[in-house]
Protein backbone atom coordinates (compact mmCIF):
# COMPACT_ATOMS: atom_id res chain seq x y z
CA MET A 1 150.24 128.24 65.51
CA THR A 2 147.05 127.39 63.68
CA ARG A 3 146.10 123.94 64.96
CA TYR A 4 142.57 124.36 63.67
CA MET A 5 143.83 125.08 60.16
CA ILE A 6 146.22 122.12 60.27
CA ASP A 7 143.32 119.85 61.17
CA LYS A 8 140.98 121.53 58.69
CA PHE A 9 143.45 121.07 55.84
CA MET A 10 144.07 117.40 56.68
CA ARG A 11 140.35 116.65 56.93
CA PHE A 12 139.59 118.52 53.71
CA VAL A 13 142.19 116.53 51.77
CA GLU A 14 141.45 113.17 53.38
CA LEU A 15 137.72 113.27 52.55
CA SER A 16 138.26 113.12 48.78
CA ASP A 17 140.24 110.56 46.79
CA GLN A 18 140.82 113.20 44.12
CA ARG A 19 142.22 115.69 46.64
CA VAL A 20 144.43 113.00 48.17
CA ALA A 21 145.83 112.16 44.72
CA GLU A 22 146.45 115.82 43.89
CA TYR A 23 148.12 116.44 47.24
CA ALA A 24 150.27 113.30 47.00
CA ALA A 25 151.39 114.26 43.47
CA ASP A 26 152.62 117.74 44.47
CA PRO A 27 152.11 118.65 48.13
CA ALA A 28 153.65 122.14 47.98
CA ALA A 29 151.56 123.21 45.00
CA TYR A 30 148.41 121.76 46.54
CA VAL A 31 148.98 123.67 49.80
CA GLU A 32 149.41 126.92 47.85
CA ARG A 33 146.21 126.29 45.87
CA TRP A 34 144.29 125.48 49.05
CA LEU A 35 145.47 128.65 50.76
CA ALA A 36 144.47 130.71 47.71
CA GLY A 37 141.06 129.06 47.66
CA GLY A 38 138.62 128.57 44.86
CA SER A 39 134.87 128.15 44.79
CA GLY A 40 132.43 125.99 46.71
CA PRO A 41 134.05 124.03 49.55
CA GLU A 42 137.45 125.25 48.37
CA ALA A 43 136.55 128.94 48.70
CA ALA A 44 139.15 130.94 50.56
CA THR A 45 138.18 132.29 53.96
CA ASP A 46 139.86 134.92 56.10
CA ASP A 47 141.01 132.25 58.53
CA ARG A 48 142.65 130.04 55.89
CA VAL A 49 146.21 130.63 57.03
CA LEU A 50 149.14 128.31 57.70
CA THR A 51 152.47 129.44 59.07
CA ASP A 52 155.59 128.94 56.96
CA GLU A 53 156.56 126.06 59.25
CA GLU A 54 153.18 124.38 58.80
CA GLN A 55 153.28 124.86 55.03
CA ALA A 56 156.78 123.33 54.94
CA ALA A 57 155.62 120.33 56.99
CA PHE A 58 152.71 119.70 54.62
CA ALA A 59 154.94 120.21 51.57
CA ALA A 60 157.41 117.64 52.92
CA ARG A 61 154.63 115.26 54.03
CA ASP A 62 156.36 115.32 57.42
CA PHE A 63 153.89 113.77 59.85
CA ALA A 64 156.32 114.09 62.77
CA ALA A 65 156.54 117.85 62.27
CA LEU A 66 152.76 118.12 61.89
CA TYR A 67 152.28 116.18 65.12
CA ALA A 68 154.77 118.45 66.91
CA LEU A 69 152.90 121.48 65.55
CA GLY A 70 149.71 120.22 67.16
CA ALA A 71 147.92 118.17 64.52
CA HIS A 72 145.22 116.03 66.10
CA PRO A 73 146.62 112.47 66.28
CA TYR A 74 143.44 110.83 64.98
CA LEU A 75 143.15 113.17 61.99
CA LEU A 76 146.88 113.00 61.34
CA TRP A 77 146.91 109.20 61.21
CA HIS A 78 143.99 109.05 58.77
CA PHE A 79 145.55 111.80 56.65
CA THR A 80 148.90 109.98 56.64
CA GLU A 81 147.25 106.68 55.78
CA ALA A 82 145.28 108.24 52.91
CA VAL A 83 148.28 110.07 51.46
CA HIS A 84 150.55 107.02 51.64
CA ALA A 85 147.91 104.44 50.63
CA HIS A 86 149.35 104.06 47.13
CA GLU A 87 152.64 102.87 48.69
CA PHE A 88 151.28 99.70 50.27
CA THR A 89 148.80 96.86 50.02
CA PRO A 90 147.09 95.12 52.93
CA GLU A 91 149.64 92.31 52.57
CA ALA A 92 152.78 94.43 52.24
CA GLY A 93 153.90 97.80 53.45
CA TRP A 94 151.08 98.89 55.74
CA ARG A 95 152.86 97.65 58.86
CA GLU A 96 155.98 99.55 57.75
CA LEU A 97 153.94 102.76 57.49
CA VAL A 98 152.54 102.19 60.98
CA GLU A 99 156.04 101.67 62.37
CA ARG A 100 157.42 104.75 60.54
CA TYR A 101 154.57 106.82 61.91
CA ARG A 102 155.04 105.56 65.47
CA ALA A 103 158.80 106.09 65.34
CA ALA A 104 158.32 109.63 64.04
CA VAL A 105 155.69 110.82 66.52
CA ALA A 106 156.78 108.97 69.68
CA PRO A 107 159.69 111.35 70.44
CA GLN A 108 157.23 114.26 70.39
CA GLY A 109 155.39 112.97 73.46
CA VAL A 110 151.76 113.79 74.03
CA VAL A 111 150.59 117.03 72.45
CA ASP A 112 148.96 119.52 74.83
CA TYR A 113 145.60 120.45 73.27
CA ILE A 114 144.69 123.05 75.88
CA PRO A 115 146.27 126.39 74.97
C-alpha cells in the first residue's frame, strides 16, 4: 500500500485547475501519464508507484475505495470536491455530493494511519 503516493497524487491534481480538468476528463489516462512522469513538477521519481488497486480506484473516481486504501480524509475530500465541482453549483448538487461521500466512506470506519 502506498498511502503517501495516494495522497501525493491527490494533492498534485487538486492544486491545479488544469490538472483537475484533465483528470476528470479521463482519469485512467491521467493516472498513467502521472506515473510515467514528465518534466518539472511532473517529473517521474523512483517512488512514484501506485498498486493496481490504487490505480483502479483513481481510474473509477472511487472515493470509497481510496478512503479504504488509506487516503487521508482531508485530502480526499478536497480532491473529491475539486474533481466533481463541475457537477454542482452552490445552490444545487453540492449537498448531494457531500451525502454521497459520507455514505461511501462511513462503512469504512476510521482509517488507521499508524502502520
